[in-house]
Full PDB file with SEQRES, HELIX, SHEET, SSBOND, CRYST1, ORIGX, SCALE, CONECT and MASTER records, all heavy atoms in Angstrom:
SEQRES   1 A   36  SER GLY LEU THR LYS ARG THR ILE GLN TYR TYR ASP ASN          
SEQRES   2 A   36  GLU GLY VAL LEU LYS PRO ALA GLY ARG ASP GLU ASN ASN          
SEQRES   3 A   36  ARG ARG PHE TYR THR ASP LYS GLU LEU SER                      
HELIX    1 AA1 LYS A    5  ASN A   13  1                                   9    
HELIX    2 AA2 ASP A   32  LEU A   35  1                                   4    
CRYST1    1.000    1.000    1.000  90.00  90.00  90.00 P 1           1          
ORIGX1      1.000000  0.000000  0.000000        0.00000                         
ORIGX2      0.000000  1.000000  0.000000        0.00000                         
ORIGX3      0.000000  0.000000  1.000000        0.00000                         
SCALE1      1.000000  0.000000  0.000000        0.00000                         
SCALE2      0.000000  1.000000  0.000000        0.00000                         
SCALE3      0.000000  0.000000  1.000000        0.00000                         
ATOM      1  N   SER A   1     -18.244  46.319 -92.896  1.00  0.00           N  
ATOM      2  CA  SER A   1     -17.830  46.316 -91.489  1.00  0.00           C  
ATOM      3  C   SER A   1     -17.956  44.963 -90.803  1.00  0.00           C  
ATOM      4  O   SER A   1     -17.283  44.696 -89.808  1.00  0.00           O  
ATOM      5  CB  SER A   1     -18.670  47.336 -90.707  1.00  0.00           C  
ATOM      6  OG  SER A   1     -20.037  46.917 -90.673  1.00  0.00           O  
ATOM      7  N   GLY A   2     -18.828  44.107 -91.336  1.00  0.00           N  
ATOM      8  CA  GLY A   2     -19.085  42.839 -90.667  1.00  0.00           C  
ATOM      9  C   GLY A   2     -20.135  42.959 -89.580  1.00  0.00           C  
ATOM     10  O   GLY A   2     -20.471  41.969 -88.910  1.00  0.00           O  
ATOM     11  N   LEU A   3     -20.675  44.160 -89.389  1.00  0.00           N  
ATOM     12  CA  LEU A   3     -21.741  44.359 -88.412  1.00  0.00           C  
ATOM     13  C   LEU A   3     -23.076  43.960 -89.014  1.00  0.00           C  
ATOM     14  O   LEU A   3     -23.266  44.029 -90.229  1.00  0.00           O  
ATOM     15  CB  LEU A   3     -21.797  45.831 -87.983  1.00  0.00           C  
ATOM     16  CG  LEU A   3     -20.546  46.404 -87.322  1.00  0.00           C  
ATOM     17  CD1 LEU A   3     -20.734  47.909 -87.065  1.00  0.00           C  
ATOM     18  CD2 LEU A   3     -20.229  45.688 -86.023  1.00  0.00           C  
ATOM     19  N   THR A   4     -23.989  43.556 -88.177  1.00  0.00           N  
ATOM     20  CA  THR A   4     -25.316  43.209 -88.675  1.00  0.00           C  
ATOM     21  C   THR A   4     -26.103  44.480 -88.989  1.00  0.00           C  
ATOM     22  O   THR A   4     -25.792  45.571 -88.474  1.00  0.00           O  
ATOM     23  CB  THR A   4     -26.104  42.401 -87.629  1.00  0.00           C  
ATOM     24  OG1 THR A   4     -26.348  43.218 -86.474  1.00  0.00           O  
ATOM     25  CG2 THR A   4     -25.332  41.145 -87.225  1.00  0.00           C  
ATOM     26  N   LYS A   5     -27.111  44.349 -89.808  1.00  0.00           N  
ATOM     27  CA  LYS A   5     -27.966  45.492 -90.137  1.00  0.00           C  
ATOM     28  C   LYS A   5     -28.648  46.012 -88.870  1.00  0.00           C  
ATOM     29  O   LYS A   5     -28.852  47.219 -88.721  1.00  0.00           O  
ATOM     30  CB  LYS A   5     -29.005  45.088 -91.175  1.00  0.00           C  
ATOM     31  CG  LYS A   5     -28.408  44.708 -92.532  1.00  0.00           C  
ATOM     32  CD  LYS A   5     -29.489  44.273 -93.506  1.00  0.00           C  
ATOM     33  CE  LYS A   5     -28.889  43.862 -94.847  1.00  0.00           C  
ATOM     34  NZ  LYS A   5     -29.911  43.393 -95.802  1.00  0.00           N  
ATOM     35  N   ARG A   6     -28.998  45.082 -88.000  1.00  0.00           N  
ATOM     36  CA  ARG A   6     -29.653  45.486 -86.749  1.00  0.00           C  
ATOM     37  C   ARG A   6     -28.718  46.352 -85.902  1.00  0.00           C  
ATOM     38  O   ARG A   6     -29.164  47.335 -85.292  1.00  0.00           O  
ATOM     39  CB  ARG A   6     -30.069  44.248 -85.968  1.00  0.00           C  
ATOM     40  CG  ARG A   6     -30.749  44.564 -84.636  1.00  0.00           C  
ATOM     41  CD  ARG A   6     -31.277  43.317 -83.963  1.00  0.00           C  
ATOM     42  NE  ARG A   6     -32.375  42.728 -84.729  1.00  0.00           N  
ATOM     43  CZ  ARG A   6     -33.071  41.668 -84.314  1.00  0.00           C  
ATOM     44  NH1 ARG A   6     -32.763  41.081 -83.176  1.00  0.00           N  
ATOM     45  NH2 ARG A   6     -34.045  41.194 -85.057  1.00  0.00           N  
ATOM     46  N   THR A   7     -27.424  46.014 -85.858  1.00  0.00           N  
ATOM     47  CA  THR A   7     -26.452  46.801 -85.086  1.00  0.00           C  
ATOM     48  C   THR A   7     -26.313  48.207 -85.667  1.00  0.00           C  
ATOM     49  O   THR A   7     -26.262  49.194 -84.933  1.00  0.00           O  
ATOM     50  CB  THR A   7     -25.076  46.104 -85.080  1.00  0.00           C  
ATOM     51  OG1 THR A   7     -25.204  44.826 -84.441  1.00  0.00           O  
ATOM     52  CG2 THR A   7     -24.039  46.936 -84.334  1.00  0.00           C  
ATOM     53  N   ILE A   8     -26.268  48.290 -86.999  1.00  0.00           N  
ATOM     54  CA  ILE A   8     -26.151  49.593 -87.648  1.00  0.00           C  
ATOM     55  C   ILE A   8     -27.385  50.441 -87.344  1.00  0.00           C  
ATOM     56  O   ILE A   8     -27.283  51.650 -87.078  1.00  0.00           O  
ATOM     57  CB  ILE A   8     -25.962  49.411 -89.165  1.00  0.00           C  
ATOM     58  CG1 ILE A   8     -24.623  48.686 -89.429  1.00  0.00           C  
ATOM     59  CG2 ILE A   8     -25.971  50.765 -89.880  1.00  0.00           C  
ATOM     60  CD1 ILE A   8     -24.469  48.206 -90.846  1.00  0.00           C  
ATOM     61  N   GLN A   9     -28.541  49.816 -87.359  1.00  0.00           N  
ATOM     62  CA  GLN A   9     -29.782  50.508 -87.022  1.00  0.00           C  
ATOM     63  C   GLN A   9     -29.733  50.991 -85.564  1.00  0.00           C  
ATOM     64  O   GLN A   9     -30.150  52.108 -85.240  1.00  0.00           O  
ATOM     65  CB  GLN A   9     -30.975  49.572 -87.213  1.00  0.00           C  
ATOM     66  CG  GLN A   9     -32.319  50.140 -86.754  1.00  0.00           C  
ATOM     67  CD  GLN A   9     -32.792  51.297 -87.611  1.00  0.00           C  
ATOM     68  OE1 GLN A   9     -32.994  51.137 -88.807  1.00  0.00           O  
ATOM     69  NE2 GLN A   9     -32.952  52.469 -86.994  1.00  0.00           N  
ATOM     70  N   TYR A  10     -29.194  50.134 -84.698  1.00  0.00           N  
ATOM     71  CA  TYR A  10     -29.080  50.473 -83.276  1.00  0.00           C  
ATOM     72  C   TYR A  10     -28.154  51.677 -83.086  1.00  0.00           C  
ATOM     73  O   TYR A  10     -28.469  52.593 -82.300  1.00  0.00           O  
ATOM     74  CB  TYR A  10     -28.551  49.268 -82.508  1.00  0.00           C  
ATOM     75  CG  TYR A  10     -28.363  49.503 -81.033  1.00  0.00           C  
ATOM     76  CD1 TYR A  10     -29.439  49.750 -80.189  1.00  0.00           C  
ATOM     77  CD2 TYR A  10     -27.088  49.478 -80.472  1.00  0.00           C  
ATOM     78  CE1 TYR A  10     -29.265  49.968 -78.836  1.00  0.00           C  
ATOM     79  CE2 TYR A  10     -26.892  49.699 -79.119  1.00  0.00           C  
ATOM     80  CZ  TYR A  10     -27.985  49.937 -78.305  1.00  0.00           C  
ATOM     81  OH  TYR A  10     -27.813  50.153 -76.960  1.00  0.00           O  
ATOM     82  N   TYR A  11     -27.039  51.694 -83.804  1.00  0.00           N  
ATOM     83  CA  TYR A  11     -26.113  52.826 -83.717  1.00  0.00           C  
ATOM     84  C   TYR A  11     -26.801  54.118 -84.156  1.00  0.00           C  
ATOM     85  O   TYR A  11     -26.560  55.195 -83.600  1.00  0.00           O  
ATOM     86  CB  TYR A  11     -24.875  52.590 -84.581  1.00  0.00           C  
ATOM     87  CG  TYR A  11     -23.886  51.580 -84.028  1.00  0.00           C  
ATOM     88  CD1 TYR A  11     -22.763  51.203 -84.746  1.00  0.00           C  
ATOM     89  CD2 TYR A  11     -24.067  51.012 -82.762  1.00  0.00           C  
ATOM     90  CE1 TYR A  11     -21.841  50.291 -84.235  1.00  0.00           C  
ATOM     91  CE2 TYR A  11     -23.168  50.102 -82.250  1.00  0.00           C  
ATOM     92  CZ  TYR A  11     -22.060  49.743 -82.989  1.00  0.00           C  
ATOM     93  OH  TYR A  11     -21.148  48.840 -82.483  1.00  0.00           O  
ATOM     94  N   ASP A  12     -27.649  54.012 -85.171  1.00  0.00           N  
ATOM     95  CA  ASP A  12     -28.413  55.172 -85.643  1.00  0.00           C  
ATOM     96  C   ASP A  12     -29.375  55.630 -84.550  1.00  0.00           C  
ATOM     97  O   ASP A  12     -29.445  56.820 -84.203  1.00  0.00           O  
ATOM     98  CB  ASP A  12     -29.167  54.801 -86.923  1.00  0.00           C  
ATOM     99  CG  ASP A  12     -29.938  55.977 -87.510  1.00  0.00           C  
ATOM    100  OD1 ASP A  12     -29.870  57.096 -86.949  1.00  0.00           O  
ATOM    101  OD2 ASP A  12     -30.624  55.779 -88.532  1.00  0.00           O  
ATOM    102  N   ASN A  13     -30.105  54.678 -83.975  1.00  0.00           N  
ATOM    103  CA  ASN A  13     -31.086  55.015 -82.935  1.00  0.00           C  
ATOM    104  C   ASN A  13     -30.434  55.656 -81.714  1.00  0.00           C  
ATOM    105  O   ASN A  13     -31.024  56.519 -81.064  1.00  0.00           O  
ATOM    106  CB  ASN A  13     -31.852  53.768 -82.498  1.00  0.00           C  
ATOM    107  CG  ASN A  13     -32.731  53.209 -83.600  1.00  0.00           C  
ATOM    108  OD1 ASN A  13     -33.082  53.908 -84.553  1.00  0.00           O  
ATOM    109  ND2 ASN A  13     -33.092  51.938 -83.488  1.00  0.00           N  
ATOM    110  N   GLU A  14     -29.197  55.209 -81.423  1.00  0.00           N  
ATOM    111  CA  GLU A  14     -28.485  55.731 -80.256  1.00  0.00           C  
ATOM    112  C   GLU A  14     -27.757  57.036 -80.553  1.00  0.00           C  
ATOM    113  O   GLU A  14     -27.161  57.647 -79.674  1.00  0.00           O  
ATOM    114  CB  GLU A  14     -27.477  54.691 -79.754  1.00  0.00           C  
ATOM    115  CG  GLU A  14     -28.105  53.452 -79.149  1.00  0.00           C  
ATOM    116  CD  GLU A  14     -28.908  53.752 -77.896  1.00  0.00           C  
ATOM    117  OE1 GLU A  14     -28.383  54.433 -76.998  1.00  0.00           O  
ATOM    118  OE2 GLU A  14     -30.088  53.319 -77.840  1.00  0.00           O  
ATOM    119  N   GLY A  15     -27.786  57.470 -81.815  1.00  0.00           N  
ATOM    120  CA  GLY A  15     -27.150  58.719 -82.193  1.00  0.00           C  
ATOM    121  C   GLY A  15     -25.640  58.641 -82.287  1.00  0.00           C  
ATOM    122  O   GLY A  15     -24.947  59.650 -82.242  1.00  0.00           O  
ATOM    123  N   VAL A  16     -25.113  57.425 -82.423  1.00  0.00           N  
ATOM    124  CA  VAL A  16     -23.668  57.236 -82.516  1.00  0.00           C  
ATOM    125  C   VAL A  16     -23.206  57.308 -83.965  1.00  0.00           C  
ATOM    126  O   VAL A  16     -22.151  57.863 -84.275  1.00  0.00           O  
ATOM    127  CB  VAL A  16     -23.259  55.881 -81.887  1.00  0.00           C  
ATOM    128  CG1 VAL A  16     -21.759  55.661 -82.017  1.00  0.00           C  
ATOM    129  CG2 VAL A  16     -23.675  55.835 -80.426  1.00  0.00           C  
ATOM    130  N   LEU A  17     -23.975  56.717 -84.851  1.00  0.00           N  
ATOM    131  CA  LEU A  17     -23.640  56.741 -86.283  1.00  0.00           C  
ATOM    132  C   LEU A  17     -24.895  57.116 -87.069  1.00  0.00           C  
ATOM    133  O   LEU A  17     -25.709  56.258 -87.406  1.00  0.00           O  
ATOM    134  CB  LEU A  17     -23.121  55.370 -86.744  1.00  0.00           C  
ATOM    135  CG  LEU A  17     -22.732  55.297 -88.226  1.00  0.00           C  
ATOM    136  CD1 LEU A  17     -21.481  56.145 -88.489  1.00  0.00           C  
ATOM    137  CD2 LEU A  17     -22.492  53.855 -88.662  1.00  0.00           C  
ATOM    138  N   LYS A  18     -25.035  58.385 -87.338  1.00  0.00           N  
ATOM    139  CA  LYS A  18     -26.199  58.844 -88.087  1.00  0.00           C  
ATOM    140  C   LYS A  18     -25.909  58.777 -89.584  1.00  0.00           C  
ATOM    141  O   LYS A  18     -24.770  59.013 -90.011  1.00  0.00           O  
ATOM    142  CB  LYS A  18     -26.536  60.292 -87.710  1.00  0.00           C  
ATOM    143  CG  LYS A  18     -26.803  60.508 -86.230  1.00  0.00           C  
ATOM    144  CD  LYS A  18     -27.990  59.716 -85.722  1.00  0.00           C  
ATOM    145  CE  LYS A  18     -29.294  60.234 -86.289  1.00  0.00           C  
ATOM    146  NZ  LYS A  18     -30.472  59.516 -85.729  1.00  0.00           N  
ATOM    147  N   PRO A  19     -26.898  58.443 -90.382  1.00  0.00           N  
ATOM    148  CA  PRO A  19     -26.692  58.428 -91.842  1.00  0.00           C  
ATOM    149  C   PRO A  19     -26.488  59.838 -92.368  1.00  0.00           C  
ATOM    150  O   PRO A  19     -26.865  60.826 -91.724  1.00  0.00           O  
ATOM    151  CB  PRO A  19     -27.991  57.813 -92.366  1.00  0.00           C  
ATOM    152  CG  PRO A  19     -29.004  58.104 -91.315  1.00  0.00           C  
ATOM    153  CD  PRO A  19     -28.272  58.050 -90.008  1.00  0.00           C  
ATOM    154  N   ALA A  20     -25.881  59.927 -93.534  1.00  0.00           N  
ATOM    155  CA  ALA A  20     -25.656  61.241 -94.151  1.00  0.00           C  
ATOM    156  C   ALA A  20     -26.974  61.850 -94.612  1.00  0.00           C  
ATOM    157  O   ALA A  20     -27.129  63.063 -94.674  1.00  0.00           O  
ATOM    158  CB  ALA A  20     -24.697  61.109 -95.320  1.00  0.00           C  
ATOM    159  N   GLY A  21     -27.937  60.992 -94.951  1.00  0.00           N  
ATOM    160  CA  GLY A  21     -29.232  61.477 -95.423  1.00  0.00           C  
ATOM    161  C   GLY A  21     -30.094  60.326 -95.915  1.00  0.00           C  
ATOM    162  O   GLY A  21     -29.812  59.155 -95.621  1.00  0.00           O  
ATOM    163  N   ARG A  22     -31.109  60.663 -96.637  1.00  0.00           N  
ATOM    164  CA  ARG A  22     -32.009  59.656 -97.220  1.00  0.00           C  
ATOM    165  C   ARG A  22     -32.162  59.943 -98.710  1.00  0.00           C  
ATOM    166  O   ARG A  22     -32.164  61.102 -99.122  1.00  0.00           O  
ATOM    167  CB  ARG A  22     -33.375  59.656 -96.527  1.00  0.00           C  
ATOM    168  CG  ARG A  22     -33.317  59.134 -95.085  1.00  0.00           C  
ATOM    169  CD  ARG A  22     -34.682  59.072 -94.430  1.00  0.00           C  
ATOM    170  NE  ARG A  22     -34.634  58.521 -93.087  1.00  0.00           N  
ATOM    171  CZ  ARG A  22     -34.761  57.234 -92.787  1.00  0.00           C  
ATOM    172  NH1 ARG A  22     -34.978  56.360 -93.774  1.00  0.00           N  
ATOM    173  NH2 ARG A  22     -34.692  56.806 -91.543  1.00  0.00           N  
ATOM    174  N   ASP A  23     -32.292  58.867 -99.491  1.00  0.00           N  
ATOM    175  CA  ASP A  23     -32.405  59.055-100.935  1.00  0.00           C  
ATOM    176  C   ASP A  23     -33.854  59.284-101.328  1.00  0.00           C  
ATOM    177  O   ASP A  23     -34.747  59.424-100.466  1.00  0.00           O  
ATOM    178  CB  ASP A  23     -31.788  57.861-101.683  1.00  0.00           C  
ATOM    179  CG  ASP A  23     -32.552  56.564-101.456  1.00  0.00           C  
ATOM    180  OD1 ASP A  23     -33.677  56.589-100.873  1.00  0.00           O  
ATOM    181  OD2 ASP A  23     -32.049  55.503-101.861  1.00  0.00           O  
ATOM    182  N   GLU A  24     -34.101  59.307-102.642  1.00  0.00           N  
ATOM    183  CA  GLU A  24     -35.447  59.578-103.144  1.00  0.00           C  
ATOM    184  C   GLU A  24     -36.461  58.516-102.739  1.00  0.00           C  
ATOM    185  O   GLU A  24     -37.674  58.748-102.770  1.00  0.00           O  
ATOM    186  CB  GLU A  24     -35.405  59.702-104.683  1.00  0.00           C  
ATOM    187  CG  GLU A  24     -34.848  58.484-105.394  1.00  0.00           C  
ATOM    188  CD  GLU A  24     -33.328  58.463-105.427  1.00  0.00           C  
ATOM    189  OE1 GLU A  24     -32.700  59.370-104.837  1.00  0.00           O  
ATOM    190  OE2 GLU A  24     -32.781  57.539-106.064  1.00  0.00           O  
ATOM    191  N   ASN A  25     -35.966  57.332-102.345  1.00  0.00           N  
ATOM    192  CA  ASN A  25     -36.854  56.261-101.872  1.00  0.00           C  
ATOM    193  C   ASN A  25     -36.897  56.192-100.350  1.00  0.00           C  
ATOM    194  O   ASN A  25     -37.368  55.203 -99.780  1.00  0.00           O  
ATOM    195  CB  ASN A  25     -36.388  54.909-102.434  1.00  0.00           C  
ATOM    196  CG  ASN A  25     -36.500  54.862-103.948  1.00  0.00           C  
ATOM    197  OD1 ASN A  25     -37.508  55.298-104.527  1.00  0.00           O  
ATOM    198  ND2 ASN A  25     -35.460  54.358-104.603  1.00  0.00           N  
ATOM    199  N   ASN A  26     -36.397  57.240 -99.727  1.00  0.00           N  
ATOM    200  CA  ASN A  26     -36.381  57.357 -98.271  1.00  0.00           C  
ATOM    201  C   ASN A  26     -35.489  56.320 -97.593  1.00  0.00           C  
ATOM    202  O   ASN A  26     -35.665  56.000 -96.431  1.00  0.00           O  
ATOM    203  CB  ASN A  26     -37.804  57.270 -97.693  1.00  0.00           C  
ATOM    204  CG  ASN A  26     -37.888  57.897 -96.305  1.00  0.00           C  
ATOM    205  OD1 ASN A  26     -37.213  58.899 -96.012  1.00  0.00           O  
ATOM    206  ND2 ASN A  26     -38.701  57.323 -95.442  1.00  0.00           N  
ATOM    207  N   ARG A  27     -34.513  55.801 -98.326  1.00  0.00           N  
ATOM    208  CA  ARG A  27     -33.574  54.852 -97.749  1.00  0.00           C  
ATOM    209  C   ARG A  27     -32.379  55.609 -97.176  1.00  0.00           C  
ATOM    210  O   ARG A  27     -31.853  56.535 -97.809  1.00  0.00           O  
ATOM    211  CB  ARG A  27     -33.081  53.853 -98.804  1.00  0.00           C  
ATOM    212  CG  ARG A  27     -34.134  52.872 -99.277  1.00  0.00           C  
ATOM    213  CD  ARG A  27     -33.464  51.713-100.023  1.00  0.00           C  
ATOM    214  NE  ARG A  27     -32.652  52.195-101.145  1.00  0.00           N  
ATOM    215  CZ  ARG A  27     -31.751  51.445-101.763  1.00  0.00           C  
ATOM    216  NH1 ARG A  27     -31.504  50.201-101.353  1.00  0.00           N  
ATOM    217  NH2 ARG A  27     -31.065  51.940-102.793  1.00  0.00           N  
ATOM    218  N   ARG A  28     -31.953  55.202 -95.995  1.00  0.00           N  
ATOM    219  CA  ARG A  28     -30.789  55.832 -95.373  1.00  0.00           C  
ATOM    220  C   ARG A  28     -29.534  55.512 -96.182  1.00  0.00           C  
ATOM    221  O   ARG A  28     -29.359  54.387 -96.616  1.00  0.00           O  
ATOM    222  CB  ARG A  28     -30.604  55.311 -93.944  1.00  0.00           C  
ATOM    223  CG  ARG A  28     -31.655  55.792 -92.965  1.00  0.00           C  
ATOM    224  CD  ARG A  28     -31.544  55.059 -91.643  1.00  0.00           C  
ATOM    225  NE  ARG A  28     -31.814  53.623 -91.822  1.00  0.00           N  
ATOM    226  CZ  ARG A  28     -31.425  52.674 -90.984  1.00  0.00           C  
ATOM    227  NH1 ARG A  28     -30.697  52.985 -89.952  1.00  0.00           N  
ATOM    228  NH2 ARG A  28     -31.734  51.405 -91.204  1.00  0.00           N  
ATOM    229  N   PHE A  29     -28.678  56.526 -96.337  1.00  0.00           N  
ATOM    230  CA  PHE A  29     -27.402  56.258 -96.982  1.00  0.00           C  
ATOM    231  C   PHE A  29     -26.275  56.934 -96.216  1.00  0.00           C  
ATOM    232  O   PHE A  29     -26.478  57.859 -95.430  1.00  0.00           O  
ATOM    233  CB  PHE A  29     -27.410  56.724 -98.443  1.00  0.00           C  
ATOM    234  CG  PHE A  29     -27.476  58.219 -98.637  1.00  0.00           C  
ATOM    235  CD1 PHE A  29     -26.322  59.009 -98.594  1.00  0.00           C  
ATOM    236  CD2 PHE A  29     -28.700  58.853 -98.887  1.00  0.00           C  
ATOM    237  CE1 PHE A  29     -26.380  60.383 -98.779  1.00  0.00           C  
ATOM    238  CE2 PHE A  29     -28.771  60.228 -99.075  1.00  0.00           C  
ATOM    239  CZ  PHE A  29     -27.606  60.993 -99.023  1.00  0.00           C  
ATOM    240  N   TYR A  30     -25.074  56.418 -96.435  1.00  0.00           N  
ATOM    241  CA  TYR A  30     -23.879  56.890 -95.747  1.00  0.00           C  
ATOM    242  C   TYR A  30     -22.824  57.270 -96.780  1.00  0.00           C  
ATOM    243  O   TYR A  30     -22.892  56.838 -97.931  1.00  0.00           O  
ATOM    244  CB  TYR A  30     -23.336  55.797 -94.815  1.00  0.00           C  
ATOM    245  CG  TYR A  30     -24.341  55.325 -93.792  1.00  0.00           C  
ATOM    246  CD1 TYR A  30     -25.326  54.385 -94.123  1.00  0.00           C  
ATOM    247  CD2 TYR A  30     -24.307  55.809 -92.492  1.00  0.00           C  
ATOM    248  CE1 TYR A  30     -26.255  53.952 -93.180  1.00  0.00           C  
ATOM    249  CE2 TYR A  30     -25.228  55.380 -91.538  1.00  0.00           C  
ATOM    250  CZ  TYR A  30     -26.197  54.452 -91.895  1.00  0.00           C  
ATOM    251  OH  TYR A  30     -27.112  54.039 -90.969  1.00  0.00           O  
ATOM    252  N   THR A  31     -21.862  58.074 -96.348  1.00  0.00           N  
ATOM    253  CA  THR A  31     -20.765  58.473 -97.236  1.00  0.00           C  
ATOM    254  C   THR A  31     -19.447  58.008 -96.619  1.00  0.00           C  
ATOM    255  O   THR A  31     -19.413  57.372 -95.556  1.00  0.00           O  
ATOM    256  CB  THR A  31     -20.739  60.000 -97.414  1.00  0.00           C  
ATOM    257  OG1 THR A  31     -20.417  60.611 -96.148  1.00  0.00           O  
ATOM    258  CG2 THR A  31     -22.084  60.512 -97.906  1.00  0.00           C  
ATOM    259  N   ASP A  32     -18.344  58.362 -97.278  1.00  0.00           N  
ATOM    260  CA  ASP A  32     -17.028  57.995 -96.752  1.00  0.00           C  
ATOM    261  C   ASP A  32     -16.796  58.579 -95.361  1.00  0.00           C  
ATOM    262  O   ASP A  32     -16.082  57.992 -94.542  1.00  0.00           O  
ATOM    263  CB  ASP A  32     -15.927  58.475 -97.702  1.00  0.00           C  
ATOM    264  CG  ASP A  32     -15.889  57.662 -98.995  1.00  0.00           C  
ATOM    265  OD1 ASP A  32     -16.230  56.464 -98.943  1.00  0.00           O  
ATOM    266  OD2 ASP A  32     -15.521  58.225-100.043  1.00  0.00           O  
ATOM    267  N   LYS A  33     -17.386  59.732 -95.083  1.00  0.00           N  
ATOM    268  CA  LYS A  33     -17.234  60.347 -93.765  1.00  0.00           C  
ATOM    269  C   LYS A  33     -17.804  59.431 -92.687  1.00  0.00           C  
ATOM    270  O   LYS A  33     -17.168  59.195 -91.655  1.00  0.00           O  
ATOM    271  CB  LYS A  33     -17.941  61.702 -93.732  1.00  0.00           C  
ATOM    272  CG  LYS A  33     -17.883  62.375 -92.357  1.00  0.00           C  
ATOM    273  CD  LYS A  33     -18.651  63.690 -92.364  1.00  0.00           C  
ATOM    274  CE  LYS A  33     -18.639  64.307 -90.966  1.00  0.00           C  
ATOM    275  NZ  LYS A  33     -19.405  65.580 -90.916  1.00  0.00           N  
ATOM    276  N   GLU A  34     -19.006  58.891 -92.926  1.00  0.00           N  
ATOM    277  CA  GLU A  34     -19.634  58.005 -91.952  1.00  0.00           C  
ATOM    278  C   GLU A  34     -18.861  56.681 -91.833  1.00  0.00           C  
ATOM    279  O   GLU A  34     -18.773  56.099 -90.746  1.00  0.00           O  
ATOM    280  CB  GLU A  34     -21.091  57.715 -92.309  1.00  0.00           C  
ATOM    281  CG  GLU A  34     -22.065  58.862 -92.036  1.00  0.00           C  
ATOM    282  CD  GLU A  34     -21.877  60.018 -93.004  1.00  0.00           C  
ATOM    283  OE1 GLU A  34     -21.768  59.761 -94.230  1.00  0.00           O  
ATOM    284  OE2 GLU A  34     -21.812  61.178 -92.541  1.00  0.00           O  
ATOM    285  N   LEU A  35     -18.288  56.234 -92.954  1.00  0.00           N  
ATOM    286  CA  LEU A  35     -17.469  55.021 -92.901  1.00  0.00           C  
ATOM    287  C   LEU A  35     -16.258  55.232 -91.989  1.00  0.00           C  
ATOM    288  O   LEU A  35     -15.879  54.346 -91.219  1.00  0.00           O  
ATOM    289  CB  LEU A  35     -16.995  54.629 -94.303  1.00  0.00           C  
ATOM    290  CG  LEU A  35     -17.932  53.774 -95.150  1.00  0.00           C  
ATOM    291  CD1 LEU A  35     -17.281  53.475 -96.495  1.00  0.00           C  
ATOM    292  CD2 LEU A  35     -18.277  52.472 -94.439  1.00  0.00           C  
ATOM    293  N   SER A  36     -15.658  56.410 -92.074  1.00  0.00           N  
ATOM    294  CA  SER A  36     -14.518  56.730 -91.230  1.00  0.00           C  
ATOM    295  C   SER A  36     -14.923  56.758 -89.762  1.00  0.00           C  
ATOM    296  O   SER A  36     -14.204  56.253 -88.888  1.00  0.00           O  
ATOM    297  CB  SER A  36     -13.930  58.080 -91.639  1.00  0.00           C  
ATOM    298  OG  SER A  36     -12.869  58.450 -90.786  1.00  0.00           O  
TER     299      SER A  36                                                      
MASTER        0    0    0    2    0    0    0    6  298    1    0    3          
END                                                                             
C-alpha cells in the first residue's frame, strides 16, 4: 500500500481496518478481503 506500519496500526486501533486474526506467534495477519 505504501502506508507506514504506524499508519496500519493506527487504522487497527481506530477500528477502520481490523486484521483477519493472529497467527501462532500472535502476529496480526490480513487476507485478500482486508486488502480490498
